[in-house]
Amino acid sequence: MNTSIFPIIEKEAIQGMHFPKGDILENPKAIAERQSALDEACRLGNEYKGKVKIVFVSQDGIREVHTTIWNVSNDLVSLKSGIFIPVHCILSINRM
C-alpha cells in the first residue's frame, strides 16, 4: 500500500533531474539530523542492502524514491548505477 503523499519515482529518473541550488533546510539542527540519517542509511545499505525512502526536492517538485544508499559525502548521496542526489535537496530519509 502506497502511503506517500509525494510522487514515487524510480531511481533511474533522478539522472535527468535538475535541483535547486540552496539548501532546502534552514535549521542547523535539521541539517545535522539529515546528515546523521544519511550516514545511518548508508550503513544500512552497505551492511544489509536495506532500502530507505528518500524525499527530496527537484525543480519538478517534491519526489520520493525507494532505494539503497551506497555512499554519502557532505555534498552528494550516491545510489546504485552512478546516480546522485545533492544532499542539500533532501527533506527526509526513512527506513522502509
N, C-alpha and C. Protein backbone atom coordinates (compact mmCIF):
# COMPACT_ATOMS: atom_id res chain seq x y z
N MET A 1 0.84 -1.19 0.00
CA MET A 1 0.00 0.00 0.00
C MET A 1 0.88 1.24 0.00
N ASN A 2 0.63 2.15 -0.90
CA ASN A 2 1.39 3.39 -1.02
C ASN A 2 0.77 4.44 -0.10
N THR A 3 1.54 4.85 0.91
CA THR A 3 1.05 5.87 1.84
C THR A 3 1.75 7.21 1.64
N SER A 4 2.55 7.32 0.60
CA SER A 4 3.27 8.56 0.35
C SER A 4 2.32 9.63 -0.20
N ILE A 5 2.57 10.85 0.21
CA ILE A 5 1.80 11.97 -0.35
C ILE A 5 2.53 12.60 -1.53
N PHE A 6 3.76 12.12 -1.80
CA PHE A 6 4.56 12.64 -2.90
C PHE A 6 4.68 11.59 -4.00
N PRO A 7 4.86 12.01 -5.24
CA PRO A 7 5.04 11.04 -6.32
C PRO A 7 6.30 10.19 -6.08
N ILE A 8 6.13 8.88 -6.20
CA ILE A 8 7.26 7.96 -6.06
C ILE A 8 7.83 7.72 -7.45
N ILE A 9 9.14 7.86 -7.57
CA ILE A 9 9.80 7.68 -8.86
C ILE A 9 10.84 6.56 -8.76
N GLU A 10 11.24 6.04 -9.88
CA GLU A 10 12.34 5.08 -9.94
C GLU A 10 13.65 5.86 -9.86
N LYS A 11 14.66 5.24 -9.27
CA LYS A 11 15.93 5.95 -9.11
C LYS A 11 16.53 6.39 -10.44
N GLU A 12 16.27 5.64 -11.52
CA GLU A 12 16.81 5.99 -12.83
C GLU A 12 16.26 7.33 -13.33
N ALA A 13 15.10 7.74 -12.87
CA ALA A 13 14.51 9.01 -13.29
C ALA A 13 15.24 10.21 -12.69
N ILE A 14 16.03 9.98 -11.66
CA ILE A 14 16.75 11.07 -10.99
C ILE A 14 17.84 11.63 -11.88
N GLN A 15 18.42 10.77 -12.71
CA GLN A 15 19.57 11.16 -13.52
C GLN A 15 19.36 12.41 -14.35
N GLY A 16 18.18 12.62 -14.89
CA GLY A 16 17.94 13.79 -15.73
C GLY A 16 17.35 14.99 -15.00
N MET A 17 17.22 14.89 -13.68
CA MET A 17 16.57 15.96 -12.92
C MET A 17 17.51 17.13 -12.65
N HIS A 18 16.89 18.28 -12.44
CA HIS A 18 17.62 19.48 -12.04
C HIS A 18 17.18 19.82 -10.62
N PHE A 19 18.13 20.36 -9.85
CA PHE A 19 17.89 20.60 -8.43
C PHE A 19 18.11 22.05 -8.07
N PRO A 20 17.40 22.54 -7.04
CA PRO A 20 17.64 23.91 -6.57
C PRO A 20 19.06 24.04 -6.04
N LYS A 21 19.56 25.25 -6.04
CA LYS A 21 20.95 25.47 -5.64
C LYS A 21 21.16 25.53 -4.13
N GLY A 22 20.27 26.17 -3.40
CA GLY A 22 20.46 26.35 -1.96
C GLY A 22 19.89 25.19 -1.16
N ASP A 23 20.29 25.12 0.10
CA ASP A 23 19.78 24.07 0.98
C ASP A 23 18.31 24.31 1.27
N ILE A 24 17.51 23.26 1.15
CA ILE A 24 16.08 23.39 1.39
C ILE A 24 15.75 23.38 2.88
N LEU A 25 16.70 22.95 3.69
CA LEU A 25 16.53 23.02 5.15
C LEU A 25 17.26 24.25 5.66
N GLU A 26 16.61 25.00 6.52
CA GLU A 26 17.22 26.23 7.05
C GLU A 26 17.75 26.05 8.46
N ASN A 27 17.16 25.15 9.22
CA ASN A 27 17.51 24.96 10.62
C ASN A 27 18.79 24.12 10.73
N PRO A 28 19.84 24.63 11.39
CA PRO A 28 21.09 23.87 11.53
C PRO A 28 20.89 22.51 12.20
N LYS A 29 19.95 22.42 13.15
CA LYS A 29 19.68 21.14 13.80
C LYS A 29 19.09 20.14 12.80
N ALA A 30 18.18 20.60 11.95
CA ALA A 30 17.58 19.73 10.94
C ALA A 30 18.62 19.27 9.92
N ILE A 31 19.55 20.15 9.58
CA ILE A 31 20.63 19.79 8.65
C ILE A 31 21.52 18.72 9.26
N ALA A 32 21.86 18.86 10.53
CA ALA A 32 22.68 17.87 11.22
C ALA A 32 21.94 16.54 11.34
N GLU A 33 20.64 16.58 11.62
CA GLU A 33 19.84 15.35 11.71
C GLU A 33 19.76 14.66 10.36
N ARG A 34 19.66 15.44 9.28
CA ARG A 34 19.64 14.85 7.94
C ARG A 34 20.94 14.12 7.66
N GLN A 35 22.07 14.74 8.01
CA GLN A 35 23.36 14.10 7.76
C GLN A 35 23.50 12.81 8.58
N SER A 36 23.04 12.84 9.81
CA SER A 36 23.08 11.65 10.65
C SER A 36 22.22 10.53 10.06
N ALA A 37 21.01 10.88 9.58
CA ALA A 37 20.12 9.89 8.97
C ALA A 37 20.72 9.33 7.69
N LEU A 38 21.41 10.17 6.92
CA LEU A 38 22.07 9.70 5.71
C LEU A 38 23.21 8.72 6.04
N ASP A 39 23.99 9.05 7.05
CA ASP A 39 25.08 8.17 7.46
C ASP A 39 24.54 6.81 7.90
N GLU A 40 23.45 6.81 8.67
CA GLU A 40 22.82 5.57 9.12
C GLU A 40 22.27 4.78 7.92
N ALA A 41 21.63 5.47 6.99
CA ALA A 41 21.07 4.82 5.80
C ALA A 41 22.17 4.21 4.93
N CYS A 42 23.31 4.86 4.89
CA CYS A 42 24.45 4.33 4.13
C CYS A 42 24.95 3.04 4.77
N ARG A 43 25.07 3.02 6.09
CA ARG A 43 25.47 1.79 6.79
C ARG A 43 24.44 0.68 6.54
N LEU A 44 23.16 1.02 6.61
CA LEU A 44 22.10 0.06 6.34
C LEU A 44 22.23 -0.52 4.94
N GLY A 45 22.50 0.32 3.97
CA GLY A 45 22.63 -0.12 2.58
C GLY A 45 23.84 -0.99 2.35
N ASN A 46 24.96 -0.62 2.95
CA ASN A 46 26.20 -1.36 2.72
C ASN A 46 26.27 -2.66 3.50
N GLU A 47 25.76 -2.66 4.72
CA GLU A 47 25.86 -3.86 5.56
C GLU A 47 24.72 -4.84 5.33
N TYR A 48 23.51 -4.33 5.04
CA TYR A 48 22.34 -5.20 4.95
C TYR A 48 21.59 -5.09 3.63
N LYS A 49 22.08 -4.25 2.71
CA LYS A 49 21.39 -3.99 1.44
C LYS A 49 19.97 -3.49 1.68
N GLY A 50 19.77 -2.80 2.80
CA GLY A 50 18.47 -2.28 3.17
C GLY A 50 18.11 -1.01 2.41
N LYS A 51 16.85 -0.91 2.04
CA LYS A 51 16.37 0.26 1.31
C LYS A 51 15.80 1.30 2.26
N VAL A 52 15.82 2.54 1.78
CA VAL A 52 15.24 3.66 2.51
C VAL A 52 14.33 4.46 1.57
N LYS A 53 13.47 5.28 2.18
CA LYS A 53 12.66 6.24 1.43
C LYS A 53 13.35 7.59 1.54
N ILE A 54 13.68 8.16 0.40
CA ILE A 54 14.30 9.48 0.37
C ILE A 54 13.28 10.44 -0.24
N VAL A 55 12.93 11.47 0.50
CA VAL A 55 12.06 12.53 -0.01
C VAL A 55 12.95 13.72 -0.32
N PHE A 56 12.89 14.19 -1.56
CA PHE A 56 13.79 15.27 -1.98
C PHE A 56 13.06 16.25 -2.88
N VAL A 57 13.69 17.41 -3.07
CA VAL A 57 13.12 18.48 -3.89
C VAL A 57 13.92 18.59 -5.18
N SER A 58 13.21 18.55 -6.30
CA SER A 58 13.82 18.84 -7.60
C SER A 58 13.09 20.05 -8.17
N GLN A 59 13.52 20.52 -9.31
CA GLN A 59 12.83 21.65 -9.92
C GLN A 59 11.44 21.25 -10.40
N ASP A 60 11.15 19.94 -10.43
CA ASP A 60 9.82 19.45 -10.80
C ASP A 60 8.90 19.33 -9.59
N GLY A 61 9.43 19.54 -8.39
CA GLY A 61 8.64 19.42 -7.18
C GLY A 61 9.23 18.40 -6.22
N ILE A 62 8.46 18.05 -5.20
CA ILE A 62 8.91 17.08 -4.20
C ILE A 62 8.65 15.68 -4.73
N ARG A 63 9.66 14.81 -4.62
CA ARG A 63 9.58 13.44 -5.10
C ARG A 63 10.07 12.49 -4.02
N GLU A 64 9.70 11.22 -4.17
CA GLU A 64 10.15 10.18 -3.24
C GLU A 64 10.73 9.04 -4.05
N VAL A 65 11.84 8.49 -3.56
CA VAL A 65 12.46 7.34 -4.20
C VAL A 65 12.75 6.30 -3.12
N HIS A 66 12.55 5.03 -3.46
CA HIS A 66 12.85 3.91 -2.56
C HIS A 66 14.09 3.23 -3.12
N THR A 67 15.18 3.28 -2.37
CA THR A 67 16.45 2.81 -2.93
C THR A 67 17.44 2.46 -1.82
N THR A 68 18.57 1.94 -2.24
CA THR A 68 19.69 1.66 -1.35
C THR A 68 20.73 2.76 -1.52
N ILE A 69 21.21 3.29 -0.43
CA ILE A 69 22.27 4.30 -0.48
C ILE A 69 23.62 3.59 -0.41
N TRP A 70 24.49 3.90 -1.37
CA TRP A 70 25.80 3.26 -1.42
C TRP A 70 26.88 4.09 -0.76
N ASN A 71 26.78 5.42 -0.87
CA ASN A 71 27.82 6.28 -0.30
C ASN A 71 27.22 7.65 -0.03
N VAL A 72 27.79 8.33 0.96
CA VAL A 72 27.35 9.67 1.33
C VAL A 72 28.57 10.54 1.55
N SER A 73 28.56 11.73 0.95
CA SER A 73 29.58 12.74 1.24
C SER A 73 28.87 13.95 1.81
N ASN A 74 29.59 15.03 2.03
CA ASN A 74 28.94 16.26 2.51
C ASN A 74 28.03 16.86 1.46
N ASP A 75 28.27 16.53 0.18
CA ASP A 75 27.53 17.16 -0.91
C ASP A 75 26.58 16.25 -1.67
N LEU A 76 26.92 14.95 -1.77
CA LEU A 76 26.15 14.04 -2.63
C LEU A 76 25.83 12.73 -1.95
N VAL A 77 24.69 12.17 -2.34
CA VAL A 77 24.31 10.82 -1.95
C VAL A 77 24.42 9.98 -3.22
N SER A 78 25.17 8.89 -3.13
CA SER A 78 25.39 8.01 -4.27
C SER A 78 24.48 6.79 -4.18
N LEU A 79 23.73 6.56 -5.26
CA LEU A 79 22.86 5.40 -5.37
C LEU A 79 23.48 4.44 -6.38
N LYS A 80 22.89 3.27 -6.52
CA LYS A 80 23.38 2.29 -7.48
C LYS A 80 23.32 2.87 -8.90
N SER A 81 24.16 2.40 -9.77
CA SER A 81 24.20 2.79 -11.19
C SER A 81 24.72 4.21 -11.40
N GLY A 82 25.51 4.72 -10.46
CA GLY A 82 26.11 6.04 -10.64
C GLY A 82 25.13 7.19 -10.62
N ILE A 83 24.06 7.05 -9.85
CA ILE A 83 23.05 8.10 -9.73
C ILE A 83 23.28 8.85 -8.43
N PHE A 84 23.17 10.18 -8.48
CA PHE A 84 23.45 11.02 -7.32
C PHE A 84 22.29 11.96 -7.03
N ILE A 85 22.11 12.23 -5.74
CA ILE A 85 21.17 13.25 -5.28
C ILE A 85 21.97 14.24 -4.43
N PRO A 86 21.87 15.54 -4.71
CA PRO A 86 22.54 16.51 -3.85
C PRO A 86 21.96 16.46 -2.43
N VAL A 87 22.83 16.43 -1.44
CA VAL A 87 22.39 16.37 -0.04
C VAL A 87 21.49 17.55 0.29
N HIS A 88 21.81 18.73 -0.21
CA HIS A 88 21.05 19.94 0.16
C HIS A 88 19.60 19.92 -0.35
N CYS A 89 19.25 18.95 -1.19
CA CYS A 89 17.88 18.84 -1.71
C CYS A 89 17.03 17.83 -0.96
N ILE A 90 17.61 17.12 0.00
CA ILE A 90 16.90 16.04 0.68
C ILE A 90 16.13 16.58 1.88
N LEU A 91 14.83 16.25 1.90
CA LEU A 91 13.95 16.63 3.02
C LEU A 91 13.98 15.62 4.14
N SER A 92 13.92 14.31 3.77
CA SER A 92 13.89 13.28 4.80
C SER A 92 14.39 11.95 4.25
N ILE A 93 14.84 11.10 5.19
CA ILE A 93 15.32 9.75 4.91
C ILE A 93 14.72 8.85 5.97
N ASN A 94 14.01 7.80 5.53
CA ASN A 94 13.38 6.88 6.48
C ASN A 94 13.58 5.45 6.04
N ARG A 95 13.78 4.57 7.01
CA ARG A 95 13.85 3.13 6.71
C ARG A 95 12.54 2.65 6.14
N MET A 96 12.63 1.63 5.32
CA MET A 96 11.40 1.03 4.76
C MET A 96 11.00 -0.17 5.59
